[in-house]
Amino acid sequence: MKTSSIKTEKRARRHGRIRSTVVGTAERPRLAVFRSNRSLYVQLINDETGTTLAASDTRSVKGEGMKARARAVGSDLAAKAKAAGIAKVVFDRGGFLYAGSIRELADGAREAGLAF
């Protein structure tokens, strides 16, 4: 098996373990994160109805480097959440390690007033 498919399979398993416990509701939606090689995508999802309440990504914000853009995406999503009347979320890191851009995203969202 190729290394890339092994890494993808391991991340999918980690994500499955996380998703077995993390569920988004209307009062406390799930903040889902996906990281590609170039961008970082985040969504606020109500799993009861299967709808996306707000979304943001690093393609729509400015910043020097991925960490700076991830922090900006966190604050952008927090602003959109406040506009939608959402103050608390559950964090779904998507099977990615809680380090680097994922941590910066979470810190940016917390600084902007979103509670995990």
C-alpha atoms as a PDB file:
ATOM      1  CA  MET A   1       0.000   0.000   0.000  1.00  0.00           C
ATOM      2  CA  LYS A   2       1.205   3.516  -0.721  1.00  0.00           C
ATOM      3  CA  THR A   3       2.163   5.765   2.164  1.00  0.00           C
ATOM      4  CA  SER A   4      -0.438   8.373   1.228  1.00  0.00           C
ATOM      5  CA  SER A   5      -3.290   5.862   1.329  1.00  0.00           C
ATOM      6  CA  ILE A   6      -2.084   4.544   4.709  1.00  0.00           C
ATOM      7  CA  LYS A   7      -2.034   8.078   6.142  1.00  0.00           C
ATOM      8  CA  THR A   8      -5.509   8.772   4.761  1.00  0.00           C
ATOM      9  CA  GLU A   9      -6.820   5.522   6.213  1.00  0.00           C
ATOM     10  CA  LYS A  10      -5.356   6.261   9.656  1.00  0.00           C
ATOM     11  CA  ARG A  11      -6.868   9.768   9.661  1.00  0.00           C
ATOM     12  CA  ALA A  12     -10.244   8.308   8.674  1.00  0.00           C
ATOM     13  CA  ARG A  13     -10.072   5.900  11.630  1.00  0.00           C
ATOM     14  CA  ARG A  14      -9.172   8.694  14.046  1.00  0.00           C
ATOM     15  CA  HIS A  15     -11.993  10.807  12.667  1.00  0.00           C
ATOM     16  CA  GLY A  16     -14.420   7.914  13.107  1.00  0.00           C
ATOM     17  CA  ARG A  17     -13.476   7.600  16.770  1.00  0.00           C
ATOM     18  CA  ILE A  18     -13.966  11.323  17.271  1.00  0.00           C
ATOM     19  CA  ARG A  19     -17.314  11.368  15.452  1.00  0.00           C
ATOM     20  CA  SER A  20     -18.635   8.530  17.605  1.00  0.00           C
ATOM     21  CA  THR A  21     -18.674  10.942  20.557  1.00  0.00           C
ATOM     22  CA  VAL A  22     -18.971  14.415  18.997  1.00  0.00           C
ATOM     23  CA  VAL A  23     -22.468  15.384  17.835  1.00  0.00           C
ATOM     24  CA  GLY A  24     -23.665  18.846  16.882  1.00  0.00           C
ATOM     25  CA  THR A  25     -27.074  20.170  17.883  1.00  0.00           C
ATOM     26  CA  ALA A  26     -28.954  23.370  17.118  1.00  0.00           C
ATOM     27  CA  GLU A  27     -27.875  24.923  20.436  1.00  0.00           C
ATOM     28  CA  ARG A  28     -24.289  23.636  20.211  1.00  0.00           C
ATOM     29  CA  PRO A  29     -23.281  22.846  16.605  1.00  0.00           C
ATOM     30  CA  ARG A  30     -20.197  20.910  15.586  1.00  0.00           C
ATOM     31  CA  LEU A  31     -17.202  22.928  14.379  1.00  0.00           C
ATOM     32  CA  ALA A  32     -15.839  20.558  11.708  1.00  0.00           C
ATOM     33  CA  VAL A  33     -12.311  21.085  10.361  1.00  0.00           C
ATOM     34  CA  PHE A  34     -10.738  19.803   7.142  1.00  0.00           C
ATOM     35  CA  ARG A  35      -7.145  20.531   6.230  1.00  0.00           C
ATOM     36  CA  SER A  36      -5.855  20.021   2.714  1.00  0.00           C
ATOM     37  CA  ASN A  37      -2.323  20.627   1.492  1.00  0.00           C
ATOM     38  CA  ARG A  38      -3.165  24.227   0.596  1.00  0.00           C
ATOM     39  CA  SER A  39      -6.185  25.309   2.615  1.00  0.00           C
ATOM     40  CA  LEU A  40      -8.112  24.892   5.826  1.00  0.00           C
ATOM     41  CA  TYR A  41     -11.909  24.612   5.737  1.00  0.00           C
ATOM     42  CA  VAL A  42     -14.272  24.929   8.715  1.00  0.00           C
ATOM     43  CA  GLN A  43     -18.032  24.570   9.086  1.00  0.00           C
ATOM     44  CA  LEU A  44     -20.596  24.828  11.852  1.00  0.00           C
ATOM     45  CA  ILE A  45     -22.895  21.846  11.382  1.00  0.00           C
ATOM     46  CA  ASN A  46     -26.210  20.921  13.002  1.00  0.00           C
ATOM     47  CA  ASP A  47     -26.123  17.111  12.837  1.00  0.00           C
ATOM     48  CA  GLU A  48     -29.784  16.757  13.848  1.00  0.00           C
ATOM     49  CA  THR A  49     -30.936  18.326  10.581  1.00  0.00           C
ATOM     50  CA  GLY A  50     -27.743  17.861   8.547  1.00  0.00           C
ATOM     51  CA  THR A  51     -27.382  21.559   7.752  1.00  0.00           C
ATOM     52  CA  THR A  52     -24.374  23.850   7.634  1.00  0.00           C
ATOM     53  CA  LEU A  53     -24.983  26.991   9.682  1.00  0.00           C
ATOM     54  CA  ALA A  54     -21.776  28.876   8.824  1.00  0.00           C
ATOM     55  CA  ALA A  55     -18.547  28.196   6.947  1.00  0.00           C
ATOM     56  CA  SER A  56     -15.163  29.770   6.294  1.00  0.00           C
ATOM     57  CA  ASP A  57     -11.823  28.837   4.750  1.00  0.00           C
ATOM     58  CA  THR A  58      -8.282  30.141   4.354  1.00  0.00           C
ATOM     59  CA  ARG A  59      -8.862  31.048   0.705  1.00  0.00           C
ATOM     60  CA  SER A  60     -11.121  33.939   1.742  1.00  0.00           C
ATOM     61  CA  VAL A  61      -8.831  35.557   4.357  1.00  0.00           C
ATOM     62  CA  LYS A  62      -5.467  37.284   4.170  1.00  0.00           C
ATOM     63  CA  GLY A  63      -2.419  36.419   6.217  1.00  0.00           C
ATOM     64  CA  GLU A  64       1.264  35.599   6.059  1.00  0.00           C
ATOM     65  CA  GLY A  65       1.543  31.823   6.378  1.00  0.00           C
ATOM     66  CA  MET A  66      -0.921  29.080   7.178  1.00  0.00           C
ATOM     67  CA  LYS A  67      -0.989  29.643  10.946  1.00  0.00           C
ATOM     68  CA  ALA A  68      -1.867  33.326  10.606  1.00  0.00           C
ATOM     69  CA  ARG A  69      -4.597  32.542   8.084  1.00  0.00           C
ATOM     70  CA  ALA A  70      -5.949  29.746  10.309  1.00  0.00           C
ATOM     71  CA  ARG A  71      -6.243  32.155  13.243  1.00  0.00           C
ATOM     72  CA  ALA A  72      -8.047  34.634  10.957  1.00  0.00           C
ATOM     73  CA  VAL A  73     -10.437  31.884   9.818  1.00  0.00           C
ATOM     74  CA  GLY A  74     -11.213  31.058  13.457  1.00  0.00           C
ATOM     75  CA  SER A  75     -12.118  34.650  14.246  1.00  0.00           C
ATOM     76  CA  ASP A  76     -14.089  34.955  10.982  1.00  0.00           C
ATOM     77  CA  LEU A  77     -16.131  31.862  11.798  1.00  0.00           C
ATOM     78  CA  ALA A  78     -16.718  33.092  15.351  1.00  0.00           C
ATOM     79  CA  ALA A  79     -18.080  36.361  13.965  1.00  0.00           C
ATOM     80  CA  LYS A  80     -20.427  34.465  11.638  1.00  0.00           C
ATOM     81  CA  ALA A  81     -21.522  32.251  14.540  1.00  0.00           C
ATOM     82  CA  LYS A  82     -22.304  35.269  16.720  1.00  0.00           C
ATOM     83  CA  ALA A  83     -24.359  36.741  13.891  1.00  0.00           C
ATOM     84  CA  ALA A  84     -26.314  33.465  13.760  1.00  0.00           C
ATOM     85  CA  GLY A  85     -26.823  33.511  17.545  1.00  0.00           C
ATOM     86  CA  ILE A  86     -24.373  30.718  18.373  1.00  0.00           C
ATOM     87  CA  ALA A  87     -22.074  31.052  21.387  1.00  0.00           C
ATOM     88  CA  LYS A  88     -21.021  27.455  22.138  1.00  0.00           C
ATOM     89  CA  VAL A  89     -19.775  24.713  19.805  1.00  0.00           C
ATOM     90  CA  VAL A  90     -18.227  21.256  20.000  1.00  0.00           C
ATOM     91  CA  PHE A  91     -14.841  20.941  18.290  1.00  0.00           C
ATOM     92  CA  ASP A  92     -14.325  18.226  15.666  1.00  0.00           C
ATOM     93  CA  ARG A  93     -10.683  18.287  14.612  1.00  0.00           C
ATOM     94  CA  GLY A  94     -11.378  15.814  11.816  1.00  0.00           C
ATOM     95  CA  GLY A  95      -8.742  13.279  12.816  1.00  0.00           C
ATOM     96  CA  PHE A  96      -5.941  15.816  12.477  1.00  0.00           C
ATOM     97  CA  LEU A  97      -3.469  16.414  15.285  1.00  0.00           C
ATOM     98  CA  TYR A  98      -4.327  19.303  17.590  1.00  0.00           C
ATOM     99  CA  ALA A  99      -1.215  21.253  16.651  1.00  0.00           C
ATOM    100  CA  GLY A 100      -0.102  23.876  14.156  1.00  0.00           C
ATOM    101  CA  SER A 101      -2.884  25.360  12.072  1.00  0.00           C
ATOM    102  CA  ILE A 102      -5.625  23.349  13.832  1.00  0.00           C
ATOM    103  CA  ARG A 103      -4.592  24.795  17.203  1.00  0.00           C
ATOM    104  CA  GLU A 104      -4.324  28.314  15.757  1.00  0.00           C
ATOM    105  CA  LEU A 105      -7.834  27.966  14.336  1.00  0.00           C
ATOM    106  CA  ALA A 106      -9.215  26.955  17.735  1.00  0.00           C
ATOM    107  CA  ASP A 107      -7.320  29.754  19.511  1.00  0.00           C
ATOM    108  CA  GLY A 108      -8.589  32.334  17.025  1.00  0.00           C
ATOM    109  CA  ALA A 109     -12.178  31.182  17.503  1.00  0.00           C
ATOM    110  CA  ARG A 110     -11.832  31.288  21.297  1.00  0.00           C
ATOM    111  CA  GLU A 111     -10.310  34.774  21.238  1.00  0.00           C
ATOM    112  CA  ALA A 112     -13.237  35.987  19.129  1.00  0.00           C
ATOM    113  CA  GLY A 113     -15.695  34.726  21.744  1.00  0.00           C
ATOM    114  CA  LEU A 114     -16.665  31.225  20.654  1.00  0.00           C
ATOM    115  CA  ALA A 115     -16.769  28.745  23.574  1.00  0.00           C
ATOM    116  CA  PHE A 116     -15.807  25.086  23.194  1.00  0.00           C
END
